[in-house]
């Protein structure tokens, strides 16, 4: 082909695009023909990767913000926990101080109760001695308290001789405040054969003149004492005289 013929071919190809396409199919390989499509696909992939990276960065930014918020909340929680621990420590100290004060108060109150109880018993002993002497009884020895193992004790025991010459044992239950239940319990004990047997074993042989002494008494206590026939004493003397003696356990 001459140069002129070649130029004529080039001009013809410009005039007929369909010839150019056919010529490319004849001249170029399949790989080269597919190259534009491959480049477009690569461009699409690159765009998709760029979009995925953008979304990932957004998610990372969001995650970082959430992590920052979480760290701030954790810091706040730690501060609150520290404050709470300090408050708990302060409260424990206050509770400990209160327990010490309560223990001290309990000891003081226990000492007061013991002192007050002894005072009530001493007053009861003093009153019964005066009352009985005025009635013509002879006191054989000073009044005393008599422990009875796990059953408790008799607050006041006073051995006397009555005007007829018979030795009897005066027993007194002493309370700051006497309730109906106190009277009932005291009467039940003194009417118990086993209780009187224990009294006898400890030298309080009977028969018994039974009294209850109190600084203050319920109306029900006075009513029951009158029904049961036991005596009542107050600081100013005898309020109610016993109706009968209670005989020793071995006499029944």
Protein backbone atom coordinates (compact mmCIF):
# COMPACT_ATOMS: atom_id res chain seq x y z
CA UNK A 1 0.00 0.00 0.00
CA UNK A 2 1.31 3.38 -1.02
CA UNK A 3 1.27 6.41 1.23
CA UNK A 4 -1.49 7.90 -0.85
CA UNK A 5 -3.56 4.76 -0.52
CA UNK A 6 -2.99 4.75 3.24
CA UNK A 7 -4.16 8.34 3.52
CA UNK A 8 -7.24 7.49 1.49
CA UNK A 9 -7.93 4.62 3.95
CA UNK A 10 -7.53 6.90 6.96
CA UNK A 11 -9.90 9.47 5.42
CA UNK A 12 -12.43 6.71 4.71
CA UNK A 13 -12.24 5.48 8.30
CA UNK A 14 -12.97 8.99 9.55
CA UNK A 15 -15.96 9.15 7.28
CA UNK A 16 -17.24 5.70 8.30
CA UNK A 17 -17.11 5.10 12.08
CA UNK A 18 -18.52 1.62 11.66
CA UNK A 19 -15.40 0.74 9.67
CA UNK A 20 -13.24 1.91 12.56
CA UNK A 21 -15.05 -0.42 14.94
CA UNK A 22 -14.63 -3.32 12.59
CA UNK A 23 -10.98 -2.44 12.11
CA UNK A 24 -10.44 -2.38 15.89
CA UNK A 25 -11.96 -5.86 16.17
CA UNK A 26 -9.60 -7.05 13.53
CA UNK A 27 -6.48 -5.29 14.82
CA UNK A 28 -6.89 -5.33 18.61
CA UNK A 29 -7.03 -8.37 20.89
CA UNK A 30 -10.12 -9.22 23.00
CA UNK A 31 -8.26 -8.10 26.13
CA UNK A 32 -7.58 -4.67 24.69
CA UNK A 33 -11.15 -4.35 23.49
CA UNK A 34 -12.44 -5.16 26.96
CA UNK A 35 -10.05 -2.73 28.63
CA UNK A 36 -12.45 0.28 28.68
CA UNK A 37 -15.12 -1.83 30.34
CA UNK A 38 -12.58 -3.10 32.86
CA UNK A 39 -11.52 0.47 33.59
CA UNK A 40 -15.16 1.49 34.13
CA UNK A 41 -15.66 -1.45 36.47
CA UNK A 42 -12.52 -0.55 38.38
CA UNK A 43 -13.72 3.03 38.61
CA UNK A 44 -17.07 1.78 40.02
CA UNK A 45 -15.24 -0.42 42.53
CA UNK A 46 -13.02 2.48 43.55
CA UNK A 47 -16.10 4.66 44.07
CA UNK A 48 -17.77 1.90 46.11
CA UNK A 49 -14.61 1.45 48.18
CA UNK A 50 -14.40 5.20 48.72
CA UNK A 51 -18.06 5.25 49.85
CA UNK A 52 -17.48 2.27 52.14
CA UNK A 53 -14.43 4.00 53.61
CA UNK A 54 -16.45 7.18 54.12
CA UNK A 55 -19.17 5.22 55.93
CA UNK A 56 -16.55 3.38 57.99
CA UNK A 57 -14.93 6.66 58.98
CA UNK A 58 -18.34 8.00 59.98
CA UNK A 59 -18.98 4.92 62.07
CA UNK A 60 -15.53 5.24 63.63
CA UNK A 61 -16.21 8.89 64.41
CA UNK A 62 -19.54 7.92 65.98
CA UNK A 63 -17.87 5.14 67.92
CA UNK A 64 -15.18 7.51 69.17
CA UNK A 65 -17.83 9.98 70.32
CA UNK A 66 -19.68 7.18 72.10
CA UNK A 67 -16.43 6.00 73.70
CA UNK A 68 -15.71 9.56 74.86
CA UNK A 69 -19.22 9.81 76.29
CA UNK A 70 -18.81 6.42 77.98
CA UNK A 71 -15.47 7.43 79.49
CA UNK A 72 -17.05 10.63 80.80
CA UNK A 73 -19.90 8.61 82.32
CA UNK A 74 -17.39 6.18 83.84
CA UNK A 75 -15.44 9.09 85.31
CA UNK A 76 -18.67 10.52 86.72
CA UNK A 77 -19.62 7.11 88.11
CA UNK A 78 -16.21 6.72 89.74
CA UNK A 79 -16.57 10.14 91.32
CA UNK A 80 -20.03 9.23 92.59
CA UNK A 81 -18.71 5.92 93.93
CA UNK A 82 -15.89 7.73 95.72
CA UNK A 83 -18.40 10.15 97.18
CA UNK A 84 -20.67 7.27 98.18
CA UNK A 85 -17.78 5.41 99.85
CA UNK A 86 -16.90 8.54 101.76
CA UNK A 87 -20.51 8.92 102.88
CA UNK A 88 -20.68 5.23 103.85
CA UNK A 89 -17.45 5.59 105.81
CA UNK A 90 -18.83 8.65 107.56
CA UNK A 91 -22.08 6.83 108.26
CA UNK A 92 -20.21 3.82 109.65
CA UNK A 93 -18.31 6.12 111.98
CA UNK A 94 -21.54 7.74 113.10
CA UNK A 95 -23.15 4.33 113.62
CA UNK A 96 -20.12 3.19 115.60
CA UNK A 97 -20.30 6.31 117.71
CA UNK A 98 -24.03 5.81 118.19
CA UNK A 99 -23.51 2.17 119.17
CA UNK A 100 -20.94 3.23 121.74
CA UNK A 101 -23.33 5.82 123.10
CA UNK A 102 -26.17 3.28 123.16
CA UNK A 103 -23.94 0.76 124.92
CA UNK A 104 -22.92 3.37 127.44
CA UNK A 105 -26.53 4.41 127.89
CA UNK A 106 -27.58 0.77 128.24
CA UNK A 107 -24.99 0.21 130.94
CA UNK A 108 -26.04 3.37 132.71
CA UNK A 109 -29.70 2.38 132.44
CA UNK A 110 -28.91 -1.11 133.69
CA UNK A 111 -27.08 0.37 136.65
CA UNK A 112 -30.03 2.69 137.25
CA UNK A 113 -32.46 -0.22 137.08
CA UNK A 114 -30.40 -2.22 139.54
CA UNK A 115 -30.09 0.75 141.86
CA UNK A 116 -33.76 1.60 141.51
CA UNK A 117 -34.77 -2.05 141.98
CA UNK A 118 -32.70 -2.26 145.14
CA UNK A 119 -34.27 0.95 146.37
CA UNK A 120 -37.79 -0.41 145.77
CA UNK A 121 -36.95 -3.63 147.59
CA UNK A 122 -35.39 -1.69 150.47
CA UNK A 123 -38.47 0.52 150.72
CA UNK A 124 -40.71 -2.56 150.70
CA UNK A 125 -38.67 -4.12 153.52
CA UNK A 126 -38.83 -0.93 155.56
CA UNK A 127 -42.59 -0.53 155.08
CA UNK A 128 -43.48 -4.14 155.94
CA UNK A 129 -41.41 -4.07 159.12
CA UNK A 130 -43.19 -0.91 160.33
CA UNK A 131 -46.64 -2.27 159.36
CA UNK A 132 -46.14 -5.58 161.16
CA UNK A 133 -44.66 -4.04 164.29
CA UNK A 134 -47.69 -1.81 164.55
CA UNK A 135 -49.87 -4.91 164.32
CA UNK A 136 -48.02 -6.55 167.20
CA UNK A 137 -45.67 -8.82 165.23
CA UNK A 138 -42.13 -9.35 166.46
CA UNK A 139 -39.43 -9.20 163.82
CA UNK A 140 -36.87 -11.99 164.27
CA UNK A 141 -34.22 -10.67 161.88
CA UNK A 142 -33.79 -7.99 159.21
CA UNK A 143 -35.52 -8.57 155.89
CA UNK A 144 -33.51 -10.08 153.03
CA UNK A 145 -33.86 -11.21 149.40
CA UNK A 146 -33.95 -14.95 148.68
CA UNK A 147 -32.71 -16.26 145.28
CA UNK A 148 -34.54 -19.34 143.95
CA UNK A 149 -32.26 -20.53 141.12
CA UNK A 150 -33.75 -20.11 137.63
CA UNK A 151 -37.17 -19.29 139.06
CA UNK A 152 -35.97 -15.86 140.16
CA UNK A 153 -36.07 -14.64 143.72
CA UNK A 154 -38.30 -13.44 146.50
CA UNK A 155 -37.63 -9.72 146.83
CA UNK A 156 -38.30 -9.49 150.56
CA UNK A 157 -38.34 -12.30 153.15
CA UNK A 158 -39.05 -11.35 156.76
CA UNK A 159 -39.33 -13.98 159.56
CA UNK A 160 -41.66 -12.78 162.33
CA UNK A 161 -43.69 -14.05 165.28
CA UNK A 162 -47.38 -13.14 165.23
CA UNK A 163 -49.29 -11.90 168.31
CA UNK A 164 -50.38 -15.48 169.03
CA UNK A 165 -46.75 -16.62 169.25
CA UNK A 166 -46.61 -18.50 165.93
CA UNK A 167 -43.58 -18.02 163.69
CA UNK A 168 -44.50 -17.12 160.14
CA UNK A 169 -42.65 -15.92 157.07
CA UNK A 170 -43.62 -12.70 155.38
CA UNK A 171 -42.83 -12.67 151.63
CA UNK A 172 -43.12 -9.57 149.49
CA UNK A 173 -42.97 -9.00 145.71
CA UNK A 174 -41.63 -5.47 145.15
CA UNK A 175 -42.30 -3.53 141.91
CA UNK A 176 -41.97 0.10 140.94
CA UNK A 177 -45.24 -0.37 139.06
CA UNK A 178 -47.51 -3.30 139.83
CA UNK A 179 -49.74 -4.66 137.08
CA UNK A 180 -52.49 -7.23 137.15
CA UNK A 181 -50.15 -9.67 135.43
CA UNK A 182 -47.52 -9.16 138.16
CA UNK A 183 -50.07 -10.00 140.82
CA UNK A 184 -51.26 -13.06 138.93
CA UNK A 185 -47.70 -14.34 138.45
CA UNK A 186 -46.82 -13.74 142.13
CA UNK A 187 -49.96 -15.52 143.37
CA UNK A 188 -49.36 -18.49 141.06
CA UNK A 189 -45.82 -18.89 142.35
CA UNK A 190 -46.86 -18.73 146.01
CA UNK A 191 -49.67 -21.24 145.44
CA UNK A 192 -47.29 -23.61 143.67
CA UNK A 193 -46.32 -26.57 145.86
CA UNK A 194 -42.96 -26.88 144.11
CA UNK A 195 -42.16 -23.20 144.65
CA UNK A 196 -42.98 -23.44 148.37
CA UNK A 197 -40.89 -26.59 148.61
CA UNK A 198 -37.93 -24.66 147.20
CA UNK A 199 -38.57 -21.87 149.68
CA UNK A 200 -38.51 -24.38 152.51
CA UNK A 201 -35.27 -25.92 151.22
CA UNK A 202 -33.71 -22.46 151.46
CA UNK A 203 -34.81 -21.91 155.04
CA UNK A 204 -38.07 -20.08 154.41
CA UNK A 205 -40.29 -22.76 155.94
CA UNK A 206 -43.70 -21.05 156.12
CA UNK A 207 -46.53 -20.57 156.70
CA UNK A 208 -46.47 -17.48 154.50
CA UNK A 209 -48.02 -14.06 154.82
CA UNK A 210 -48.02 -12.82 151.23
CA UNK A 211 -47.77 -9.17 150.20
CA UNK A 212 -47.06 -7.15 147.03
CA UNK A 213 -45.43 -3.72 147.29
CA UNK A 214 -45.38 -0.99 144.64
CA UNK A 215 -44.86 2.71 144.22
CA UNK A 216 -47.66 2.75 141.69
CA UNK A 217 -50.21 0.05 140.92
CA UNK A 218 -52.86 -0.53 138.28
CA UNK A 219 -56.48 -0.67 139.34
CA UNK A 220 -56.62 -4.22 137.97
CA UNK A 221 -53.71 -5.22 140.19
CA UNK A 222 -55.53 -4.04 143.30
CA UNK A 223 -58.73 -5.78 142.22
CA UNK A 224 -56.98 -9.11 141.61
CA UNK A 225 -55.00 -8.89 144.87
CA UNK A 226 -58.28 -8.48 146.78
CA UNK A 227 -59.80 -11.45 144.95
CA UNK A 228 -56.76 -13.66 145.60
CA UNK A 229 -56.47 -12.55 149.24
CA UNK A 230 -52.91 -11.22 149.25
CA UNK A 231 -51.84 -7.99 150.92
CA UNK A 232 -50.88 -4.74 149.22
CA UNK A 233 -48.31 -2.22 150.45
CA UNK A 234 -47.44 1.30 149.38
CA UNK A 235 -44.87 3.71 150.71
CA UNK A 236 -47.39 5.15 153.16
CA UNK A 237 -48.37 1.78 154.61
CA UNK A 238 -50.72 -1.16 154.17
CA UNK A 239 -53.38 -0.71 151.50
CA UNK A 240 -54.84 -4.21 151.77
CA UNK A 241 -54.26 -6.87 154.44
CA UNK A 242 -53.76 -10.53 153.46
CA UNK A 243 -56.91 -12.59 153.98
CA UNK A 244 -55.24 -15.87 155.00
CA UNK A 245 -51.89 -17.53 155.47
CA UNK A 246 -50.58 -19.86 152.80
CA UNK A 247 -49.43 -23.08 154.40
CA UNK A 248 -46.09 -24.82 153.68
CA UNK A 249 -45.86 -27.39 150.91
CA UNK A 250 -45.52 -30.30 153.36
CA UNK A 251 -48.75 -29.28 155.07
CA UNK A 252 -50.81 -30.02 151.96
